């Protein structure tokens, strides 16, 4: 897909790309320029859009001991049995 740059410096984002990124009118996008010269366009989302994205595996508060065990498990790569 391609798009032409207008004399005002504007581009039309092709519909397939807008649909893929979930862009709607008045949405904002961010451009990232990588050291190798490639440019990435991503939708700019408010932090509140992240709410609920991750589901908790537990429906209860987690103790400090359980947090420390999870940290140790992640660092060691060895899975431990889950206590309920």
N, C-alpha and C. Protein backbone atom coordinates (compact mmCIF):
# COMPACT_ATOMS: atom_id res chain seq x y z
N UNK A 1 0.84 -1.17 0.00
CA UNK A 1 0.00 0.00 0.00
C UNK A 1 0.89 1.23 0.00
N UNK A 2 0.37 2.27 -0.56
CA UNK A 2 1.12 3.52 -0.57
C UNK A 2 0.15 4.68 -0.49
N UNK A 3 0.70 5.86 -0.19
CA UNK A 3 -0.08 7.07 -0.08
C UNK A 3 0.79 8.23 -0.55
N UNK A 4 0.18 9.25 -1.11
CA UNK A 4 0.93 10.41 -1.60
C UNK A 4 0.92 11.52 -0.56
N UNK A 5 2.04 12.21 -0.47
CA UNK A 5 2.19 13.36 0.43
C UNK A 5 1.68 14.60 -0.29
N UNK A 6 0.78 15.35 0.36
CA UNK A 6 0.25 16.57 -0.26
C UNK A 6 1.25 17.70 -0.10
N UNK A 7 0.98 18.81 -0.79
CA UNK A 7 1.86 19.98 -0.67
C UNK A 7 1.81 20.56 0.73
N UNK A 8 0.78 20.24 1.50
CA UNK A 8 0.68 20.69 2.89
C UNK A 8 1.37 19.72 3.86
N UNK A 9 1.98 18.65 3.32
CA UNK A 9 2.67 17.68 4.17
C UNK A 9 1.74 16.66 4.81
N UNK A 10 0.56 16.47 4.25
CA UNK A 10 -0.41 15.54 4.82
C UNK A 10 -0.43 14.24 4.02
N UNK A 11 -0.71 13.14 4.74
CA UNK A 11 -0.85 11.83 4.13
C UNK A 11 -2.23 11.28 4.44
N UNK A 12 -2.76 10.49 3.54
CA UNK A 12 -3.97 9.73 3.82
C UNK A 12 -3.52 8.33 4.21
N UNK A 13 -3.92 7.90 5.39
CA UNK A 13 -3.58 6.54 5.82
C UNK A 13 -4.58 5.61 5.14
N UNK A 14 -4.10 4.62 4.40
CA UNK A 14 -5.02 3.71 3.70
C UNK A 14 -6.01 3.04 4.66
N UNK A 15 -7.21 2.79 4.18
CA UNK A 15 -8.28 2.22 5.01
C UNK A 15 -7.85 0.92 5.68
N UNK A 16 -7.17 0.05 4.96
CA UNK A 16 -6.75 -1.23 5.55
C UNK A 16 -5.84 -1.00 6.75
N UNK A 17 -4.98 0.02 6.69
CA UNK A 17 -4.08 0.33 7.81
C UNK A 17 -4.88 0.94 8.95
N UNK A 18 -5.80 1.86 8.64
CA UNK A 18 -6.66 2.45 9.68
C UNK A 18 -7.44 1.37 10.41
N UNK A 19 -8.00 0.44 9.64
CA UNK A 19 -8.77 -0.65 10.25
C UNK A 19 -7.86 -1.53 11.12
N UNK A 20 -6.70 -1.85 10.62
CA UNK A 20 -5.76 -2.70 11.36
C UNK A 20 -5.36 -2.06 12.69
N UNK A 21 -5.12 -0.75 12.68
CA UNK A 21 -4.71 -0.03 13.89
C UNK A 21 -5.88 0.43 14.74
N UNK A 22 -7.10 0.26 14.23
CA UNK A 22 -8.29 0.69 14.97
C UNK A 22 -8.40 2.20 15.05
N UNK A 23 -7.92 2.91 14.02
CA UNK A 23 -7.94 4.37 14.02
C UNK A 23 -9.30 4.89 13.59
N UNK A 24 -9.73 5.95 14.27
CA UNK A 24 -10.97 6.62 13.94
C UNK A 24 -10.66 8.11 13.72
N UNK A 25 -11.58 8.86 13.12
CA UNK A 25 -11.33 10.29 12.93
C UNK A 25 -10.93 10.97 14.25
N UNK A 26 -9.98 11.86 14.17
CA UNK A 26 -9.43 12.63 15.29
C UNK A 26 -8.50 11.84 16.21
N UNK A 27 -8.29 10.53 15.94
CA UNK A 27 -7.29 9.78 16.71
C UNK A 27 -5.91 10.34 16.38
N UNK A 28 -4.99 10.16 17.29
CA UNK A 28 -3.62 10.62 17.09
C UNK A 28 -2.72 9.42 16.89
N UNK A 29 -1.63 9.62 16.17
CA UNK A 29 -0.65 8.56 15.96
C UNK A 29 0.73 9.07 16.35
N UNK A 30 1.62 8.13 16.64
CA UNK A 30 3.00 8.45 16.96
C UNK A 30 3.89 7.81 15.90
N UNK A 31 4.97 8.51 15.58
CA UNK A 31 5.95 8.01 14.63
C UNK A 31 7.24 7.72 15.39
N UNK A 32 7.81 6.57 15.16
CA UNK A 32 9.08 6.19 15.77
C UNK A 32 10.09 5.95 14.65
N UNK A 33 11.23 6.63 14.72
CA UNK A 33 12.28 6.45 13.73
C UNK A 33 13.35 5.57 14.36
N UNK A 34 13.60 4.42 13.76
CA UNK A 34 14.60 3.48 14.25
C UNK A 34 15.98 3.85 13.70
N UNK A 35 17.03 3.43 14.40
CA UNK A 35 18.40 3.74 13.95
C UNK A 35 18.70 3.29 12.51
N UNK A 36 18.03 2.22 12.06
CA UNK A 36 18.29 1.73 10.70
C UNK A 36 17.51 2.52 9.64
N UNK A 37 16.75 3.54 10.07
CA UNK A 37 16.03 4.39 9.14
C UNK A 37 14.58 4.03 8.93
N UNK A 38 14.13 2.88 9.44
CA UNK A 38 12.72 2.53 9.28
C UNK A 38 11.87 3.39 10.21
N UNK A 39 10.64 3.62 9.80
CA UNK A 39 9.71 4.43 10.58
C UNK A 39 8.50 3.56 10.91
N UNK A 40 8.06 3.62 12.16
CA UNK A 40 6.90 2.86 12.62
C UNK A 40 5.82 3.85 13.04
N UNK A 41 4.60 3.61 12.62
CA UNK A 41 3.45 4.42 12.98
C UNK A 41 2.57 3.60 13.91
N UNK A 42 2.27 4.13 15.08
CA UNK A 42 1.41 3.43 16.04
C UNK A 42 0.34 4.38 16.57
N UNK A 43 -0.83 3.84 16.88
CA UNK A 43 -1.86 4.70 17.46
C UNK A 43 -1.45 5.16 18.85
N UNK A 44 -1.75 6.40 19.15
CA UNK A 44 -1.48 6.92 20.50
C UNK A 44 -2.74 6.68 21.33
N UNK A 45 -2.59 5.91 22.37
CA UNK A 45 -3.72 5.56 23.22
C UNK A 45 -3.53 6.16 24.61
N UNK A 46 -4.61 6.62 25.23
CA UNK A 46 -4.49 7.10 26.61
C UNK A 46 -4.22 5.92 27.56
N UNK A 47 -3.59 6.20 28.68
CA UNK A 47 -3.26 5.15 29.64
C UNK A 47 -4.51 4.39 30.08
N UNK A 48 -5.64 5.07 30.16
CA UNK A 48 -6.87 4.40 30.61
C UNK A 48 -7.32 3.32 29.64
N UNK A 49 -6.84 3.36 28.40
CA UNK A 49 -7.19 2.33 27.42
C UNK A 49 -6.59 0.98 27.80
N UNK A 50 -5.56 1.00 28.66
CA UNK A 50 -4.92 -0.24 29.10
C UNK A 50 -5.69 -0.95 30.20
N UNK A 51 -6.60 -0.24 30.85
CA UNK A 51 -7.35 -0.82 31.97
C UNK A 51 -8.10 -2.07 31.53
N UNK A 52 -7.92 -3.15 32.30
CA UNK A 52 -8.61 -4.40 32.02
C UNK A 52 -7.95 -5.24 30.95
N UNK A 53 -6.83 -4.77 30.41
CA UNK A 53 -6.16 -5.53 29.36
C UNK A 53 -5.59 -6.84 29.90
N UNK A 54 -5.09 -6.80 31.12
CA UNK A 54 -4.52 -8.00 31.74
C UNK A 54 -5.50 -8.54 32.76
N UNK A 55 -5.73 -9.81 32.68
CA UNK A 55 -6.63 -10.46 33.62
C UNK A 55 -5.81 -11.04 34.77
N UNK A 56 -6.33 -10.89 35.97
CA UNK A 56 -5.67 -11.45 37.14
C UNK A 56 -5.89 -12.96 37.17
N UNK A 57 -4.83 -13.68 37.53
CA UNK A 57 -4.99 -15.13 37.68
C UNK A 57 -5.57 -15.47 39.04
N UNK A 58 -5.54 -14.51 39.93
CA UNK A 58 -6.05 -14.73 41.28
C UNK A 58 -7.20 -13.76 41.53
N UNK A 59 -8.18 -14.20 42.28
CA UNK A 59 -9.29 -13.33 42.63
C UNK A 59 -9.19 -12.89 44.09
N UNK A 60 -7.95 -12.86 44.58
CA UNK A 60 -7.74 -12.46 45.96
C UNK A 60 -6.45 -11.67 46.05
N UNK A 61 -6.28 -10.92 47.14
CA UNK A 61 -5.02 -10.20 47.31
C UNK A 61 -3.85 -11.18 47.40
N UNK A 62 -2.69 -10.75 46.97
CA UNK A 62 -1.50 -11.58 47.00
C UNK A 62 -0.59 -11.11 48.12
N UNK A 63 -0.05 -12.05 48.89
CA UNK A 63 0.83 -11.68 50.01
C UNK A 63 2.22 -11.33 49.50
N UNK A 64 2.98 -10.66 50.36
CA UNK A 64 4.37 -10.31 50.04
C UNK A 64 5.17 -11.59 49.80
N UNK A 65 4.92 -12.63 50.59
CA UNK A 65 5.63 -13.90 50.41
C UNK A 65 5.35 -14.49 49.02
N UNK A 66 4.09 -14.44 48.59
CA UNK A 66 3.75 -14.95 47.26
C UNK A 66 4.41 -14.12 46.16
N UNK A 67 4.48 -12.81 46.37
CA UNK A 67 5.16 -11.95 45.40
C UNK A 67 6.64 -12.31 45.32
N UNK A 68 7.28 -12.50 46.48
CA UNK A 68 8.70 -12.85 46.51
C UNK A 68 8.94 -14.21 45.84
N UNK A 69 8.03 -15.17 46.06
CA UNK A 69 8.16 -16.47 45.41
C UNK A 69 8.04 -16.33 43.89
N UNK A 70 7.11 -15.50 43.44
CA UNK A 70 6.93 -15.30 42.00
C UNK A 70 8.16 -14.64 41.38
N UNK A 71 8.74 -13.69 42.10
CA UNK A 71 9.97 -13.03 41.63
C UNK A 71 11.09 -14.05 41.52
N UNK A 72 11.25 -14.88 42.57
CA UNK A 72 12.31 -15.89 42.57
C UNK A 72 12.08 -16.90 41.44
N UNK A 73 10.81 -17.27 41.23
CA UNK A 73 10.47 -18.20 40.14
C UNK A 73 10.84 -17.61 38.79
N UNK A 74 10.51 -16.35 38.59
CA UNK A 74 10.82 -15.70 37.33
C UNK A 74 12.32 -15.59 37.10
N UNK A 75 13.06 -15.32 38.17
CA UNK A 75 14.51 -15.18 38.06
C UNK A 75 15.19 -16.53 37.80
N UNK A 76 14.64 -17.59 38.40
CA UNK A 76 15.29 -18.89 38.26
C UNK A 76 14.82 -19.67 37.03
N UNK A 77 13.61 -19.33 36.56
CA UNK A 77 13.06 -20.06 35.43
C UNK A 77 12.42 -21.38 35.84
N UNK A 78 12.39 -21.68 37.13
CA UNK A 78 11.82 -22.94 37.63
C UNK A 78 10.43 -22.64 38.18
N UNK A 79 9.43 -23.36 37.68
CA UNK A 79 8.06 -23.15 38.14
C UNK A 79 7.82 -23.90 39.44
N UNK A 80 7.11 -23.24 40.33
CA UNK A 80 6.74 -23.87 41.60
C UNK A 80 5.24 -24.14 41.59
N UNK A 81 4.79 -25.06 42.45
CA UNK A 81 3.37 -25.37 42.55
C UNK A 81 2.62 -24.16 43.07
N UNK A 82 1.43 -23.92 42.54
CA UNK A 82 0.60 -22.79 42.96
C UNK A 82 -0.24 -23.20 44.15
N UNK A 83 -0.17 -22.36 45.19
CA UNK A 83 -1.00 -22.62 46.39
C UNK A 83 -2.30 -21.87 46.25
N UNK A 84 -3.38 -22.49 46.68
CA UNK A 84 -4.70 -21.83 46.62
C UNK A 84 -5.31 -21.75 47.98
